[in-house]
């Protein structure tokens, strides 16, 4: 079903993840969200969780019998985790996970 990606000893990608947020611009800061705060959430929910990891073995939510680590599922999972991390005043609008320059999947808010 997954072609070359269905390897007995797994396979790897160097993903690029793009997170788009939306909200009201704070008149004092000129920002929708403090970028340091957003970076902390991205570090905790994306980089620390996925960077240099075997997603199938080292990320509990994608372990055997749970989510399948497709780009689509990764985008949805990251969307949910980042939204929870930044709270309700700013909305995550879209998360895109790209496997390379020609293949990506996006998850958008309903």
C-alpha atoms as a PDB file:
ATOM      1  CA  UNK A   1       0.000   0.000   0.000  1.00  0.00           C
ATOM      2  CA  UNK A   2       2.829   2.445   0.783  1.00  0.00           C
ATOM      3  CA  UNK A   3       5.217   1.403  -2.014  1.00  0.00           C
ATOM      4  CA  UNK A   4       8.868   2.191  -1.296  1.00  0.00           C
ATOM      5  CA  UNK A   5       7.838   3.631   2.076  1.00  0.00           C
ATOM      6  CA  UNK A   6       6.715   0.176   3.244  1.00  0.00           C
ATOM      7  CA  UNK A   7      10.134  -1.031   4.328  1.00  0.00           C
ATOM      8  CA  UNK A   8      10.682  -3.626   7.007  1.00  0.00           C
ATOM      9  CA  UNK A   9      13.256  -1.481   8.793  1.00  0.00           C
ATOM     10  CA  UNK A  10      11.394   1.795   8.246  1.00  0.00           C
ATOM     11  CA  UNK A  11      12.318   4.728   6.040  1.00  0.00           C
ATOM     12  CA  UNK A  12      13.086   8.368   6.662  1.00  0.00           C
ATOM     13  CA  UNK A  13      12.336  11.873   5.510  1.00  0.00           C
ATOM     14  CA  UNK A  14      13.674  15.296   6.272  1.00  0.00           C
ATOM     15  CA  UNK A  15      10.343  17.019   6.785  1.00  0.00           C
ATOM     16  CA  UNK A  16       9.708  20.738   6.580  1.00  0.00           C
ATOM     17  CA  UNK A  17       6.762  21.926   8.638  1.00  0.00           C
ATOM     18  CA  UNK A  18       5.010  25.257   8.099  1.00  0.00           C
ATOM     19  CA  UNK A  19       2.521  26.565  10.657  1.00  0.00           C
ATOM     20  CA  UNK A  20       0.236  29.482   9.790  1.00  0.00           C
ATOM     21  CA  UNK A  21      -1.561  31.347  12.580  1.00  0.00           C
ATOM     22  CA  UNK A  22      -4.192  34.057  12.547  1.00  0.00           C
ATOM     23  CA  UNK A  23      -5.676  36.455  15.048  1.00  0.00           C
ATOM     24  CA  UNK A  24      -6.069  40.072  15.954  1.00  0.00           C
ATOM     25  CA  UNK A  25      -2.972  42.225  15.729  1.00  0.00           C
ATOM     26  CA  UNK A  26      -2.070  43.567  19.165  1.00  0.00           C
ATOM     27  CA  UNK A  27      -1.872  47.364  18.826  1.00  0.00           C
ATOM     28  CA  UNK A  28       0.969  47.547  21.369  1.00  0.00           C
ATOM     29  CA  UNK A  29       3.231  44.895  19.841  1.00  0.00           C
ATOM     30  CA  UNK A  30       2.054  44.870  16.229  1.00  0.00           C
ATOM     31  CA  UNK A  31       2.001  41.068  16.359  1.00  0.00           C
ATOM     32  CA  UNK A  32      -0.658  38.373  16.328  1.00  0.00           C
ATOM     33  CA  UNK A  33       1.466  36.290  18.724  1.00  0.00           C
ATOM     34  CA  UNK A  34       4.789  36.827  20.415  1.00  0.00           C
ATOM     35  CA  UNK A  35       7.144  34.869  18.178  1.00  0.00           C
ATOM     36  CA  UNK A  36       9.189  33.704  21.168  1.00  0.00           C
ATOM     37  CA  UNK A  37       6.030  32.133  22.613  1.00  0.00           C
ATOM     38  CA  UNK A  38       5.186  30.500  19.282  1.00  0.00           C
ATOM     39  CA  UNK A  39       8.760  29.228  18.991  1.00  0.00           C
ATOM     40  CA  UNK A  40       8.544  27.658  22.476  1.00  0.00           C
ATOM     41  CA  UNK A  41       5.371  25.825  21.469  1.00  0.00           C
ATOM     42  CA  UNK A  42       6.909  24.690  18.169  1.00  0.00           C
ATOM     43  CA  UNK A  43      10.016  23.450  20.002  1.00  0.00           C
ATOM     44  CA  UNK A  44       7.953  21.448  22.488  1.00  0.00           C
ATOM     45  CA  UNK A  45       5.315  20.098  20.131  1.00  0.00           C
ATOM     46  CA  UNK A  46       7.272  19.630  16.909  1.00  0.00           C
ATOM     47  CA  UNK A  47      11.079  19.775  17.140  1.00  0.00           C
ATOM     48  CA  UNK A  48      11.536  18.039  20.503  1.00  0.00           C
ATOM     49  CA  UNK A  49       8.916  15.427  19.652  1.00  0.00           C
ATOM     50  CA  UNK A  50       9.930  14.565  16.064  1.00  0.00           C
ATOM     51  CA  UNK A  51      13.464  15.751  15.244  1.00  0.00           C
ATOM     52  CA  UNK A  52      15.845  12.816  14.669  1.00  0.00           C
ATOM     53  CA  UNK A  53      13.235  10.333  15.879  1.00  0.00           C
ATOM     54  CA  UNK A  54      11.876   7.110  14.481  1.00  0.00           C
ATOM     55  CA  UNK A  55       8.257   8.240  14.556  1.00  0.00           C
ATOM     56  CA  UNK A  56       6.951   4.663  14.474  1.00  0.00           C
ATOM     57  CA  UNK A  57       8.934   3.711  17.578  1.00  0.00           C
ATOM     58  CA  UNK A  58       9.710   6.878  19.535  1.00  0.00           C
ATOM     59  CA  UNK A  59       6.543   8.980  19.284  1.00  0.00           C
ATOM     60  CA  UNK A  60       3.866   7.338  21.413  1.00  0.00           C
ATOM     61  CA  UNK A  61       0.920   8.695  19.423  1.00  0.00           C
ATOM     62  CA  UNK A  62       2.260   6.992  16.274  1.00  0.00           C
ATOM     63  CA  UNK A  63       3.322   3.704  17.887  1.00  0.00           C
ATOM     64  CA  UNK A  64       2.042   0.316  16.744  1.00  0.00           C
ATOM     65  CA  UNK A  65      -1.730   0.285  16.358  1.00  0.00           C
ATOM     66  CA  UNK A  66      -2.113   4.043  16.684  1.00  0.00           C
ATOM     67  CA  UNK A  67      -1.851   6.815  14.088  1.00  0.00           C
ATOM     68  CA  UNK A  68      -0.066   6.058  10.816  1.00  0.00           C
ATOM     69  CA  UNK A  69       2.759   8.604  10.343  1.00  0.00           C
ATOM     70  CA  UNK A  70       1.719   9.894   6.937  1.00  0.00           C
ATOM     71  CA  UNK A  71       2.303  13.555   6.122  1.00  0.00           C
ATOM     72  CA  UNK A  72      -1.453  14.056   6.418  1.00  0.00           C
ATOM     73  CA  UNK A  73      -1.599  12.584   9.918  1.00  0.00           C
ATOM     74  CA  UNK A  74       1.513  14.471  10.987  1.00  0.00           C
ATOM     75  CA  UNK A  75      -0.005  17.762   9.776  1.00  0.00           C
ATOM     76  CA  UNK A  76      -3.260  17.106  11.645  1.00  0.00           C
ATOM     77  CA  UNK A  77      -1.461  16.038  14.823  1.00  0.00           C
ATOM     78  CA  UNK A  78       0.842  19.083  14.765  1.00  0.00           C
ATOM     79  CA  UNK A  79      -2.138  21.354  14.095  1.00  0.00           C
ATOM     80  CA  UNK A  80      -3.927  20.002  17.185  1.00  0.00           C
ATOM     81  CA  UNK A  81      -0.857  20.140  19.445  1.00  0.00           C
ATOM     82  CA  UNK A  82       0.204  23.652  18.420  1.00  0.00           C
ATOM     83  CA  UNK A  83      -3.350  24.964  18.818  1.00  0.00           C
ATOM     84  CA  UNK A  84      -3.525  23.486  22.314  1.00  0.00           C
ATOM     85  CA  UNK A  85      -0.130  24.997  23.115  1.00  0.00           C
ATOM     86  CA  UNK A  86      -0.903  28.550  22.019  1.00  0.00           C
ATOM     87  CA  UNK A  87      -4.376  28.692  23.510  1.00  0.00           C
ATOM     88  CA  UNK A  88      -7.554  30.243  22.209  1.00  0.00           C
ATOM     89  CA  UNK A  89      -6.684  33.846  21.405  1.00  0.00           C
ATOM     90  CA  UNK A  90      -4.675  32.902  18.312  1.00  0.00           C
ATOM     91  CA  UNK A  91      -5.891  30.347  15.782  1.00  0.00           C
ATOM     92  CA  UNK A  92      -3.783  27.860  13.899  1.00  0.00           C
ATOM     93  CA  UNK A  93      -5.112  28.175  10.357  1.00  0.00           C
ATOM     94  CA  UNK A  94      -2.969  25.639   8.524  1.00  0.00           C
ATOM     95  CA  UNK A  95      -0.124  23.206   9.021  1.00  0.00           C
ATOM     96  CA  UNK A  96       1.801  21.871   6.034  1.00  0.00           C
ATOM     97  CA  UNK A  97       4.241  18.981   6.266  1.00  0.00           C
ATOM     98  CA  UNK A  98       6.493  18.535   3.238  1.00  0.00           C
ATOM     99  CA  UNK A  99       8.516  15.396   2.577  1.00  0.00           C
ATOM    100  CA  UNK A 100      10.446  17.103  -0.209  1.00  0.00           C
ATOM    101  CA  UNK A 101      10.052  19.908  -2.765  1.00  0.00           C
ATOM    102  CA  UNK A 102       7.319  18.065  -4.651  1.00  0.00           C
ATOM    103  CA  UNK A 103       5.230  16.325  -1.968  1.00  0.00           C
ATOM    104  CA  UNK A 104       3.388  17.885   0.935  1.00  0.00           C
ATOM    105  CA  UNK A 105       0.141  17.626   2.845  1.00  0.00           C
ATOM    106  CA  UNK A 106      -1.763  20.373   4.598  1.00  0.00           C
ATOM    107  CA  UNK A 107      -4.332  20.357   7.350  1.00  0.00           C
ATOM    108  CA  UNK A 108      -6.585  23.395   7.713  1.00  0.00           C
ATOM    109  CA  UNK A 109      -9.037  24.597  10.306  1.00  0.00           C
ATOM    110  CA  UNK A 110     -12.677  23.786   9.576  1.00  0.00           C
END
